[in-house]
N, C-alpha and C. Protein backbone atom coordinates (compact mmCIF):
# COMPACT_ATOMS: atom_id res chain seq x y z
N MET A 1 0.86 -1.17 0.00
CA MET A 1 0.00 0.00 0.00
C MET A 1 0.90 1.22 0.00
N ASP A 2 0.64 2.17 -0.89
CA ASP A 2 1.37 3.42 -0.86
C ASP A 2 0.59 4.43 -0.05
N GLY A 3 1.04 5.67 -0.03
CA GLY A 3 0.40 6.68 0.79
C GLY A 3 -1.04 6.98 0.38
N ASP A 4 -1.35 6.79 -0.92
CA ASP A 4 -2.67 7.17 -1.42
C ASP A 4 -3.66 6.02 -1.46
N GLY A 5 -3.19 4.80 -1.46
CA GLY A 5 -4.13 3.69 -1.57
C GLY A 5 -3.42 2.37 -1.68
N VAL A 6 -4.14 1.40 -2.22
CA VAL A 6 -3.58 0.07 -2.43
C VAL A 6 -2.75 0.13 -3.70
N SER A 7 -1.59 -0.47 -3.67
CA SER A 7 -0.71 -0.47 -4.82
C SER A 7 -1.29 -1.35 -5.92
N VAL A 8 -1.71 -0.71 -7.01
CA VAL A 8 -2.30 -1.41 -8.14
C VAL A 8 -1.57 -0.95 -9.39
N ARG A 9 -1.10 -1.90 -10.21
CA ARG A 9 -0.43 -1.53 -11.47
C ARG A 9 -1.43 -0.90 -12.42
N GLY A 10 -0.94 -0.11 -13.37
CA GLY A 10 -1.77 0.66 -14.29
C GLY A 10 -2.83 -0.14 -15.02
N THR A 11 -2.44 -1.26 -15.67
CA THR A 11 -3.44 -2.03 -16.41
C THR A 11 -4.42 -2.69 -15.46
N ASP A 12 -3.92 -3.12 -14.29
CA ASP A 12 -4.82 -3.72 -13.30
C ASP A 12 -5.81 -2.68 -12.77
N GLU A 13 -5.33 -1.45 -12.61
CA GLU A 13 -6.18 -0.37 -12.12
C GLU A 13 -7.37 -0.16 -13.06
N ALA A 14 -7.09 -0.11 -14.35
CA ALA A 14 -8.16 0.09 -15.33
C ALA A 14 -9.11 -1.09 -15.34
N GLU A 15 -8.55 -2.30 -15.28
CA GLU A 15 -9.38 -3.51 -15.28
C GLU A 15 -10.26 -3.57 -14.03
N LEU A 16 -9.67 -3.26 -12.86
CA LEU A 16 -10.44 -3.26 -11.62
C LEU A 16 -11.55 -2.21 -11.68
N GLY A 17 -11.26 -1.06 -12.27
CA GLY A 17 -12.27 -0.02 -12.41
C GLY A 17 -13.44 -0.48 -13.26
N LEU A 18 -13.15 -1.17 -14.37
CA LEU A 18 -14.21 -1.69 -15.23
C LEU A 18 -15.05 -2.75 -14.49
N LEU A 19 -14.37 -3.64 -13.77
CA LEU A 19 -15.08 -4.68 -13.02
C LEU A 19 -15.98 -4.06 -11.95
N LEU A 20 -15.44 -3.07 -11.25
CA LEU A 20 -16.19 -2.45 -10.17
C LEU A 20 -17.39 -1.67 -10.71
N THR A 21 -17.21 -1.00 -11.83
CA THR A 21 -18.32 -0.26 -12.44
C THR A 21 -19.41 -1.23 -12.89
N ALA A 22 -19.01 -2.36 -13.50
CA ALA A 22 -19.99 -3.37 -13.91
C ALA A 22 -20.69 -3.96 -12.69
N ALA A 23 -19.95 -4.13 -11.60
CA ALA A 23 -20.54 -4.66 -10.37
C ALA A 23 -21.60 -3.69 -9.83
N GLN A 24 -21.32 -2.40 -9.93
CA GLN A 24 -22.31 -1.42 -9.48
C GLN A 24 -23.59 -1.51 -10.30
N ASP A 25 -23.45 -1.94 -11.55
CA ASP A 25 -24.62 -2.09 -12.43
C ASP A 25 -25.31 -3.43 -12.23
N GLY A 26 -24.83 -4.24 -11.27
CA GLY A 26 -25.49 -5.50 -10.95
C GLY A 26 -24.90 -6.73 -11.60
N ASN A 27 -23.76 -6.61 -12.26
CA ASN A 27 -23.12 -7.75 -12.90
C ASN A 27 -22.41 -8.59 -11.84
N ARG A 28 -23.00 -9.72 -11.50
CA ARG A 28 -22.45 -10.58 -10.43
C ARG A 28 -21.11 -11.19 -10.80
N ALA A 29 -20.95 -11.58 -12.04
CA ALA A 29 -19.68 -12.18 -12.46
C ALA A 29 -18.54 -11.17 -12.34
N SER A 30 -18.81 -9.93 -12.72
CA SER A 30 -17.78 -8.88 -12.59
C SER A 30 -17.46 -8.61 -11.13
N TYR A 31 -18.50 -8.63 -10.30
CA TYR A 31 -18.29 -8.39 -8.87
C TYR A 31 -17.44 -9.50 -8.26
N ALA A 32 -17.74 -10.74 -8.61
CA ALA A 32 -16.96 -11.88 -8.10
C ALA A 32 -15.51 -11.79 -8.58
N ALA A 33 -15.31 -11.42 -9.84
CA ALA A 33 -13.95 -11.28 -10.37
C ALA A 33 -13.21 -10.15 -9.67
N PHE A 34 -13.91 -9.05 -9.40
CA PHE A 34 -13.31 -7.93 -8.67
C PHE A 34 -12.86 -8.37 -7.29
N LEU A 35 -13.75 -9.07 -6.56
CA LEU A 35 -13.40 -9.52 -5.21
C LEU A 35 -12.21 -10.47 -5.22
N ARG A 36 -12.20 -11.41 -6.18
CA ARG A 36 -11.06 -12.33 -6.28
C ARG A 36 -9.76 -11.57 -6.54
N ALA A 37 -9.83 -10.53 -7.35
CA ALA A 37 -8.64 -9.76 -7.69
C ALA A 37 -8.12 -8.92 -6.53
N VAL A 38 -9.03 -8.43 -5.68
CA VAL A 38 -8.57 -7.54 -4.60
C VAL A 38 -8.19 -8.27 -3.32
N VAL A 39 -8.57 -9.52 -3.17
CA VAL A 39 -8.22 -10.24 -1.94
C VAL A 39 -6.71 -10.24 -1.71
N PRO A 40 -5.87 -10.57 -2.71
CA PRO A 40 -4.42 -10.53 -2.45
C PRO A 40 -3.93 -9.12 -2.11
N LEU A 41 -4.54 -8.10 -2.70
CA LEU A 41 -4.15 -6.72 -2.39
C LEU A 41 -4.50 -6.36 -0.95
N ILE A 42 -5.68 -6.76 -0.53
CA ILE A 42 -6.11 -6.49 0.85
C ILE A 42 -5.23 -7.26 1.83
N ARG A 43 -4.96 -8.52 1.51
CA ARG A 43 -4.12 -9.34 2.39
C ARG A 43 -2.73 -8.71 2.53
N ALA A 44 -2.21 -8.13 1.45
CA ALA A 44 -0.90 -7.49 1.50
C ALA A 44 -0.90 -6.28 2.43
N VAL A 45 -2.02 -5.59 2.53
CA VAL A 45 -2.13 -4.44 3.44
C VAL A 45 -1.97 -4.89 4.89
N GLY A 46 -2.57 -5.99 5.26
CA GLY A 46 -2.54 -6.45 6.64
C GLY A 46 -1.34 -7.30 6.99
N ARG A 47 -0.71 -7.91 5.98
CA ARG A 47 0.44 -8.80 6.24
C ARG A 47 1.56 -7.99 6.86
N GLY A 48 2.17 -8.53 7.88
CA GLY A 48 3.26 -7.85 8.56
C GLY A 48 2.78 -6.98 9.72
N LYS A 49 1.53 -6.57 9.67
CA LYS A 49 0.99 -5.76 10.76
C LYS A 49 0.14 -6.60 11.71
N LEU A 50 -0.45 -7.66 11.20
CA LEU A 50 -1.26 -8.56 12.02
C LEU A 50 -0.51 -9.88 12.12
N ALA A 51 -0.06 -10.19 13.32
CA ALA A 51 0.83 -11.34 13.51
C ALA A 51 0.13 -12.68 13.35
N ARG A 52 -1.06 -12.80 13.89
CA ARG A 52 -1.75 -14.09 13.86
C ARG A 52 -2.48 -14.26 12.53
N PRO A 53 -2.34 -15.44 11.90
CA PRO A 53 -3.04 -15.69 10.63
C PRO A 53 -4.55 -15.49 10.76
N ALA A 54 -5.12 -15.85 11.88
CA ALA A 54 -6.57 -15.69 12.07
C ALA A 54 -6.95 -14.22 12.07
N ASP A 55 -6.10 -13.37 12.66
CA ASP A 55 -6.37 -11.93 12.66
C ASP A 55 -6.30 -11.37 11.25
N LEU A 56 -5.34 -11.85 10.46
CA LEU A 56 -5.21 -11.41 9.08
C LEU A 56 -6.44 -11.79 8.27
N GLU A 57 -6.90 -13.02 8.44
CA GLU A 57 -8.08 -13.46 7.68
C GLU A 57 -9.34 -12.73 8.14
N ASP A 58 -9.44 -12.44 9.44
CA ASP A 58 -10.57 -11.64 9.93
C ASP A 58 -10.55 -10.25 9.30
N PHE A 59 -9.34 -9.68 9.20
CA PHE A 59 -9.19 -8.36 8.57
C PHE A 59 -9.62 -8.41 7.11
N VAL A 60 -9.20 -9.44 6.38
CA VAL A 60 -9.56 -9.56 4.97
C VAL A 60 -11.08 -9.65 4.82
N GLN A 61 -11.71 -10.50 5.63
CA GLN A 61 -13.16 -10.67 5.55
C GLN A 61 -13.89 -9.38 5.93
N ASP A 62 -13.41 -8.72 6.96
CA ASP A 62 -14.02 -7.47 7.40
C ASP A 62 -13.90 -6.41 6.30
N THR A 63 -12.74 -6.37 5.65
CA THR A 63 -12.53 -5.40 4.57
C THR A 63 -13.43 -5.71 3.38
N LEU A 64 -13.57 -6.98 3.03
CA LEU A 64 -14.46 -7.35 1.92
C LEU A 64 -15.90 -6.95 2.22
N LEU A 65 -16.31 -7.11 3.45
CA LEU A 65 -17.65 -6.68 3.84
C LEU A 65 -17.78 -5.16 3.71
N ALA A 66 -16.76 -4.43 4.14
CA ALA A 66 -16.79 -2.98 4.04
C ALA A 66 -16.80 -2.54 2.57
N VAL A 67 -16.07 -3.26 1.72
CA VAL A 67 -16.07 -2.96 0.29
C VAL A 67 -17.49 -3.14 -0.26
N HIS A 68 -18.12 -4.21 0.14
CA HIS A 68 -19.49 -4.47 -0.32
C HIS A 68 -20.43 -3.33 0.11
N GLN A 69 -20.28 -2.90 1.35
CA GLN A 69 -21.15 -1.84 1.86
C GLN A 69 -20.84 -0.49 1.19
N ALA A 70 -19.58 -0.29 0.79
CA ALA A 70 -19.18 0.98 0.19
C ALA A 70 -19.29 0.97 -1.33
N LEU A 71 -19.73 -0.14 -1.91
CA LEU A 71 -19.81 -0.27 -3.37
C LEU A 71 -20.50 0.93 -4.04
N PRO A 72 -21.60 1.43 -3.50
CA PRO A 72 -22.25 2.57 -4.16
C PRO A 72 -21.43 3.87 -4.12
N THR A 73 -20.42 3.94 -3.25
CA THR A 73 -19.65 5.18 -3.13
C THR A 73 -18.54 5.30 -4.16
N PHE A 74 -18.21 4.20 -4.85
CA PHE A 74 -17.16 4.27 -5.86
C PHE A 74 -17.67 5.08 -7.04
N GLN A 75 -16.83 6.01 -7.51
CA GLN A 75 -17.19 6.86 -8.65
C GLN A 75 -16.50 6.32 -9.90
N PRO A 76 -17.28 5.82 -10.86
CA PRO A 76 -16.69 5.28 -12.09
C PRO A 76 -15.75 6.31 -12.73
N GLY A 77 -14.65 5.79 -13.24
CA GLY A 77 -13.64 6.64 -13.87
C GLY A 77 -12.57 7.10 -12.91
N ARG A 78 -12.80 6.96 -11.62
CA ARG A 78 -11.80 7.33 -10.60
C ARG A 78 -10.92 6.11 -10.34
N PRO A 79 -9.70 6.32 -9.83
CA PRO A 79 -8.82 5.18 -9.52
C PRO A 79 -9.38 4.32 -8.38
N VAL A 80 -9.23 3.02 -8.53
CA VAL A 80 -9.72 2.08 -7.52
C VAL A 80 -8.78 2.04 -6.32
N GLY A 81 -7.47 2.15 -6.54
CA GLY A 81 -6.48 2.03 -5.48
C GLY A 81 -6.73 2.91 -4.27
N PRO A 82 -6.91 4.23 -4.46
CA PRO A 82 -7.16 5.08 -3.29
C PRO A 82 -8.48 4.76 -2.59
N TRP A 83 -9.51 4.43 -3.35
CA TRP A 83 -10.81 4.07 -2.77
C TRP A 83 -10.67 2.81 -1.92
N LEU A 84 -10.06 1.79 -2.50
CA LEU A 84 -9.86 0.53 -1.78
C LEU A 84 -8.90 0.72 -0.61
N GLY A 85 -7.88 1.55 -0.81
CA GLY A 85 -6.90 1.80 0.25
C GLY A 85 -7.52 2.46 1.47
N ALA A 86 -8.43 3.40 1.24
CA ALA A 86 -9.09 4.07 2.37
C ALA A 86 -9.91 3.08 3.18
N ILE A 87 -10.61 2.21 2.47
CA ILE A 87 -11.41 1.19 3.17
C ILE A 87 -10.50 0.25 3.95
N ALA A 88 -9.43 -0.22 3.30
CA ALA A 88 -8.51 -1.16 3.94
C ALA A 88 -7.82 -0.53 5.14
N ARG A 89 -7.39 0.73 5.02
CA ARG A 89 -6.74 1.40 6.16
C ARG A 89 -7.67 1.51 7.36
N ASN A 90 -8.92 1.86 7.11
CA ASN A 90 -9.89 1.96 8.21
C ASN A 90 -10.11 0.61 8.87
N ARG A 91 -10.26 -0.44 8.08
CA ARG A 91 -10.47 -1.78 8.63
C ARG A 91 -9.21 -2.26 9.36
N LEU A 92 -8.02 -1.91 8.83
CA LEU A 92 -6.78 -2.30 9.49
C LEU A 92 -6.66 -1.61 10.85
N SER A 93 -7.04 -0.34 10.91
CA SER A 93 -7.02 0.37 12.20
C SER A 93 -7.92 -0.33 13.21
N ASP A 94 -9.11 -0.71 12.76
CA ASP A 94 -10.03 -1.43 13.65
C ASP A 94 -9.43 -2.76 14.09
N ALA A 95 -8.82 -3.49 13.15
CA ALA A 95 -8.24 -4.79 13.47
C ALA A 95 -7.09 -4.64 14.47
N LEU A 96 -6.27 -3.63 14.29
CA LEU A 96 -5.15 -3.41 15.22
C LEU A 96 -5.66 -3.02 16.60
N ARG A 97 -6.71 -2.20 16.66
CA ARG A 97 -7.28 -1.86 17.97
C ARG A 97 -7.78 -3.12 18.68
N ARG A 98 -8.48 -3.99 17.94
CA ARG A 98 -8.97 -5.24 18.55
C ARG A 98 -7.79 -6.08 19.04
N THR A 99 -6.73 -6.15 18.25
CA THR A 99 -5.56 -6.94 18.63
C THR A 99 -4.92 -6.38 19.89
N TYR A 100 -4.76 -5.06 19.96
CA TYR A 100 -4.14 -4.46 21.15
C TYR A 100 -5.01 -4.65 22.38
N ARG A 101 -6.34 -4.51 22.22
CA ARG A 101 -7.23 -4.73 23.36
C ARG A 101 -7.14 -6.17 23.84
N ARG A 102 -7.11 -7.11 22.89
CA ARG A 102 -7.03 -8.52 23.27
C ARG A 102 -5.72 -8.81 23.98
N ARG A 103 -4.63 -8.24 23.47
CA ARG A 103 -3.32 -8.46 24.11
C ARG A 103 -3.29 -7.92 25.53
N ALA A 104 -4.05 -6.86 25.77
CA ALA A 104 -4.06 -6.26 27.10
C ALA A 104 -4.72 -7.17 28.13
N VAL A 105 -5.63 -8.03 27.69
CA VAL A 105 -6.34 -8.88 28.65
C VAL A 105 -5.96 -10.35 28.56
N GLU A 106 -5.29 -10.76 27.49
CA GLU A 106 -4.93 -12.16 27.34
C GLU A 106 -3.51 -12.42 27.82
N THR A 107 -3.30 -13.59 28.34
CA THR A 107 -1.98 -14.05 28.68
C THR A 107 -1.80 -15.41 28.04
N ASP A 108 -0.73 -15.53 27.27
CA ASP A 108 -0.45 -16.82 26.63
C ASP A 108 0.44 -17.64 27.55
N PHE A 109 0.03 -18.86 27.82
CA PHE A 109 0.83 -19.79 28.59
C PHE A 109 1.34 -20.86 27.65
N ASP A 110 2.63 -21.09 27.69
CA ASP A 110 3.09 -22.27 26.95
C ASP A 110 3.06 -23.43 27.93
N ASP A 111 3.25 -24.63 27.44
CA ASP A 111 3.09 -25.82 28.27
C ASP A 111 3.98 -25.81 29.51
N GLY A 112 5.20 -25.31 29.39
CA GLY A 112 6.12 -25.31 30.52
C GLY A 112 5.67 -24.38 31.64
N ILE A 113 5.16 -23.23 31.30
CA ILE A 113 4.75 -22.27 32.32
C ILE A 113 3.49 -22.73 33.03
N ALA A 114 2.55 -23.28 32.29
CA ALA A 114 1.28 -23.69 32.89
C ALA A 114 1.49 -24.71 34.00
N ASP A 115 2.52 -25.54 33.87
CA ASP A 115 2.77 -26.55 34.90
C ASP A 115 3.32 -25.94 36.18
N THR A 116 3.90 -24.76 36.11
CA THR A 116 4.48 -24.15 37.30
C THR A 116 3.50 -23.27 38.06
N VAL A 117 2.34 -22.99 37.49
CA VAL A 117 1.34 -22.17 38.16
C VAL A 117 0.60 -23.02 39.17
N ALA A 118 0.55 -22.53 40.40
CA ALA A 118 -0.13 -23.28 41.45
C ALA A 118 -1.61 -23.38 41.15
N GLN A 119 -2.15 -24.56 41.32
CA GLN A 119 -3.57 -24.79 41.12
C GLN A 119 -4.26 -24.81 42.48
N PRO A 120 -5.42 -24.20 42.58
CA PRO A 120 -6.11 -24.20 43.88
C PRO A 120 -6.51 -25.61 44.28
N GLU A 121 -6.48 -25.85 45.57
CA GLU A 121 -6.92 -27.14 46.08
C GLU A 121 -8.41 -27.30 45.85
N ALA A 122 -8.78 -28.42 45.35
CA ALA A 122 -10.21 -28.67 45.11
C ALA A 122 -10.87 -29.06 46.42
N GLU A 123 -11.93 -28.35 46.75
CA GLU A 123 -12.68 -28.69 47.94
C GLU A 123 -13.74 -29.70 47.56
N PRO A 124 -13.92 -30.72 48.37
CA PRO A 124 -14.96 -31.68 48.02
C PRO A 124 -16.33 -31.02 48.08
N ALA A 125 -17.11 -31.30 47.07
CA ALA A 125 -18.46 -30.72 47.02
C ALA A 125 -19.31 -31.38 48.10
N PRO A 126 -20.10 -30.58 48.79
CA PRO A 126 -20.97 -31.18 49.82
C PRO A 126 -21.96 -32.12 49.16
N GLN A 127 -22.16 -33.24 49.77
CA GLN A 127 -23.10 -34.22 49.24
C GLN A 127 -24.49 -33.90 49.76
N VAL A 128 -25.41 -33.72 48.84
CA VAL A 128 -26.78 -33.41 49.19
C VAL A 128 -27.67 -34.45 48.54
N ALA A 129 -28.57 -34.98 49.31
CA ALA A 129 -29.52 -35.94 48.75
C ALA A 129 -30.62 -35.13 48.07
N LEU A 130 -30.64 -35.17 46.75
CA LEU A 130 -31.61 -34.38 46.00
C LEU A 130 -32.98 -35.03 45.97
N GLY A 131 -33.03 -36.33 46.17
CA GLY A 131 -34.31 -37.02 46.10
C GLY A 131 -35.40 -36.38 46.93
N PRO A 132 -35.16 -36.18 48.25
CA PRO A 132 -36.19 -35.56 49.07
C PRO A 132 -36.53 -34.13 48.63
N LEU A 133 -35.51 -33.40 48.17
CA LEU A 133 -35.77 -32.03 47.73
C LEU A 133 -36.55 -32.02 46.42
N LEU A 134 -36.18 -32.90 45.50
CA LEU A 134 -36.90 -32.99 44.23
C LEU A 134 -38.37 -33.33 44.44
N SER A 135 -38.62 -34.20 45.41
CA SER A 135 -40.01 -34.62 45.65
C SER A 135 -40.88 -33.46 46.14
N ARG A 136 -40.24 -32.39 46.62
CA ARG A 136 -41.00 -31.24 47.12
C ARG A 136 -41.31 -30.23 46.02
N LEU A 137 -40.77 -30.45 44.82
CA LEU A 137 -41.04 -29.54 43.70
C LEU A 137 -42.36 -29.93 43.03
N PRO A 138 -42.98 -28.98 42.33
CA PRO A 138 -44.15 -29.33 41.53
C PRO A 138 -43.77 -30.39 40.50
N GLU A 139 -44.74 -31.24 40.16
CA GLU A 139 -44.47 -32.40 39.29
C GLU A 139 -43.80 -32.02 37.98
N ARG A 140 -44.27 -30.97 37.33
CA ARG A 140 -43.72 -30.59 36.02
C ARG A 140 -42.25 -30.21 36.14
N GLN A 141 -41.89 -29.47 37.18
CA GLN A 141 -40.50 -29.08 37.39
C GLN A 141 -39.64 -30.29 37.74
N ARG A 142 -40.16 -31.13 38.61
CA ARG A 142 -39.44 -32.33 39.03
C ARG A 142 -39.16 -33.23 37.82
N THR A 143 -40.18 -33.47 37.01
CA THR A 143 -40.03 -34.33 35.84
C THR A 143 -39.01 -33.75 34.87
N ALA A 144 -39.07 -32.44 34.62
CA ALA A 144 -38.14 -31.80 33.70
C ALA A 144 -36.71 -31.93 34.19
N ILE A 145 -36.48 -31.69 35.48
CA ILE A 145 -35.13 -31.80 36.04
C ILE A 145 -34.65 -33.25 35.98
N GLU A 146 -35.50 -34.18 36.34
CA GLU A 146 -35.09 -35.58 36.31
C GLU A 146 -34.71 -36.02 34.89
N MET A 147 -35.51 -35.63 33.91
CA MET A 147 -35.23 -36.03 32.53
C MET A 147 -33.98 -35.37 31.97
N LEU A 148 -33.85 -34.07 32.19
CA LEU A 148 -32.76 -33.33 31.55
C LEU A 148 -31.47 -33.34 32.36
N LYS A 149 -31.57 -33.23 33.66
CA LYS A 149 -30.36 -33.09 34.48
C LYS A 149 -29.91 -34.40 35.10
N VAL A 150 -30.85 -35.24 35.49
CA VAL A 150 -30.47 -36.50 36.14
C VAL A 150 -30.22 -37.58 35.08
N GLN A 151 -31.20 -37.78 34.18
CA GLN A 151 -31.06 -38.82 33.14
C GLN A 151 -30.17 -38.35 31.99
N GLY A 152 -30.01 -37.04 31.81
CA GLY A 152 -29.15 -36.51 30.77
C GLY A 152 -29.75 -36.53 29.37
N LEU A 153 -31.07 -36.54 29.28
CA LEU A 153 -31.71 -36.52 27.97
C LEU A 153 -31.53 -35.15 27.32
N SER A 154 -31.53 -35.13 26.01
CA SER A 154 -31.50 -33.84 25.30
C SER A 154 -32.88 -33.21 25.41
N LEU A 155 -32.95 -31.94 25.09
CA LEU A 155 -34.25 -31.26 25.12
C LEU A 155 -35.23 -31.94 24.17
N LYS A 156 -34.77 -32.31 22.99
CA LYS A 156 -35.65 -32.95 22.00
C LYS A 156 -36.13 -34.30 22.52
N GLU A 157 -35.21 -35.09 23.10
CA GLU A 157 -35.60 -36.40 23.63
C GLU A 157 -36.61 -36.25 24.76
N ALA A 158 -36.35 -35.31 25.66
CA ALA A 158 -37.26 -35.10 26.78
C ALA A 158 -38.61 -34.59 26.30
N SER A 159 -38.60 -33.73 25.30
CA SER A 159 -39.85 -33.22 24.74
C SER A 159 -40.65 -34.34 24.10
N ASP A 160 -39.98 -35.19 23.33
CA ASP A 160 -40.65 -36.31 22.68
C ASP A 160 -41.23 -37.28 23.72
N ALA A 161 -40.44 -37.55 24.77
CA ALA A 161 -40.87 -38.51 25.78
C ALA A 161 -42.01 -37.99 26.64
N SER A 162 -42.00 -36.69 26.93
CA SER A 162 -43.00 -36.14 27.86
C SER A 162 -44.18 -35.49 27.16
N GLY A 163 -44.02 -35.15 25.89
CA GLY A 163 -45.07 -34.44 25.18
C GLY A 163 -45.14 -32.96 25.54
N VAL A 164 -44.12 -32.46 26.23
CA VAL A 164 -44.05 -31.07 26.63
C VAL A 164 -43.12 -30.35 25.65
N SER A 165 -43.45 -29.13 25.27
CA SER A 165 -42.61 -28.39 24.31
C SER A 165 -41.23 -28.11 24.91
N ILE A 166 -40.28 -27.88 24.02
CA ILE A 166 -38.91 -27.59 24.46
C ILE A 166 -38.88 -26.32 25.30
N GLY A 167 -39.62 -25.30 24.86
CA GLY A 167 -39.66 -24.04 25.62
C GLY A 167 -40.21 -24.24 27.02
N ALA A 168 -41.28 -25.04 27.11
CA ALA A 168 -41.89 -25.30 28.43
C ALA A 168 -40.93 -26.09 29.32
N LEU A 169 -40.15 -27.02 28.71
CA LEU A 169 -39.16 -27.77 29.48
C LEU A 169 -38.08 -26.84 30.03
N LYS A 170 -37.62 -25.92 29.21
CA LYS A 170 -36.60 -24.97 29.66
C LYS A 170 -37.11 -24.15 30.84
N VAL A 171 -38.33 -23.68 30.72
CA VAL A 171 -38.92 -22.88 31.81
C VAL A 171 -39.06 -23.73 33.07
N ALA A 172 -39.52 -24.96 32.91
CA ALA A 172 -39.72 -25.84 34.07
C ALA A 172 -38.39 -26.13 34.76
N VAL A 173 -37.33 -26.39 33.98
CA VAL A 173 -36.02 -26.64 34.58
C VAL A 173 -35.53 -25.40 35.31
N HIS A 174 -35.65 -24.25 34.68
CA HIS A 174 -35.21 -23.01 35.33
C HIS A 174 -35.94 -22.79 36.65
N ARG A 175 -37.25 -22.91 36.60
CA ARG A 175 -38.03 -22.70 37.82
C ARG A 175 -37.71 -23.78 38.86
N GLY A 176 -37.48 -25.00 38.42
CA GLY A 176 -37.13 -26.08 39.33
C GLY A 176 -35.80 -25.83 40.02
N ILE A 177 -34.83 -25.34 39.26
CA ILE A 177 -33.51 -25.05 39.85
C ILE A 177 -33.62 -23.91 40.86
N VAL A 178 -34.40 -22.89 40.52
CA VAL A 178 -34.63 -21.80 41.47
C VAL A 178 -35.30 -22.35 42.73
N GLY A 179 -36.27 -23.22 42.54
CA GLY A 179 -36.95 -23.84 43.68
C GLY A 179 -36.00 -24.67 44.53
N LEU A 180 -35.12 -25.45 43.89
CA LEU A 180 -34.14 -26.25 44.63
C LEU A 180 -33.20 -25.36 45.44
N ARG A 181 -32.79 -24.26 44.85
CA ARG A 181 -31.90 -23.34 45.58
C ARG A 181 -32.61 -22.82 46.83
N GLN A 182 -33.87 -22.46 46.68
CA GLN A 182 -34.62 -21.96 47.84
C GLN A 182 -34.76 -23.04 48.90
N LEU A 183 -35.03 -24.26 48.46
CA LEU A 183 -35.15 -25.36 49.42
C LEU A 183 -33.82 -25.63 50.12
N LEU A 184 -32.72 -25.55 49.36
CA LEU A 184 -31.38 -25.76 49.97
C LEU A 184 -31.07 -24.67 50.99
N ARG A 185 -31.43 -23.43 50.68
CA ARG A 185 -31.21 -22.35 51.65
C ARG A 185 -32.01 -22.59 52.92
N LYS A 186 -33.25 -23.04 52.76
CA LYS A 186 -34.09 -23.31 53.93
C LYS A 186 -33.47 -24.43 54.76
N GLU A 187 -32.96 -25.46 54.08
CA GLU A 187 -32.33 -26.59 54.78
C GLU A 187 -31.11 -26.09 55.56
N ASP A 188 -30.30 -25.21 54.93
CA ASP A 188 -29.10 -24.67 55.60
C ASP A 188 -29.49 -23.81 56.80
N ASP A 189 -30.56 -23.03 56.63
CA ASP A 189 -30.97 -22.16 57.72
C ASP A 189 -31.51 -22.95 58.90
N HIS A 190 -32.22 -24.04 58.63
CA HIS A 190 -32.83 -24.83 59.70
C HIS A 190 -31.97 -26.01 60.13
N GLY A 191 -31.01 -26.37 59.31
CA GLY A 191 -30.26 -27.60 59.58
C GLY A 191 -28.98 -27.29 60.19
């Protein structure tokens, strides 16, 4: 990329301009050819600035989307390089900001370092007999929890077996879990 836009050779510039103008007129084949031609140019803008291959590909895809959205703004007869360059520079700035933000909060551990980090001692989970607590729930909630959480059925399987809709099962499980929490708190307070 030069100071004014994406580096495009003279004959390529004219060809890209014709493809882009035809694309504005609704020619899908020209639009596809234009996109194929500019992908390497866009990738060259981000290469060297975005270290991770996934970040580079995200940048390319984001830029292609921005090109699609900006398609009506291209003025036929004008050079494609500066138009495409402005879009690519803006998308690259966004990509670099995302990368810097991610670096600020992420820490990469290689295998050797992860082994030296102290792991917290696991406390044994208190054993609670759910049977008596489950029996105190309304039947619909109890059945939903037993099918989905105890037996491990999928929502579809539980829905087919019970004749209850998936949405109603989700609501019943949610309400049942809230009910179990309340019952557990009461047990702790009185026990």
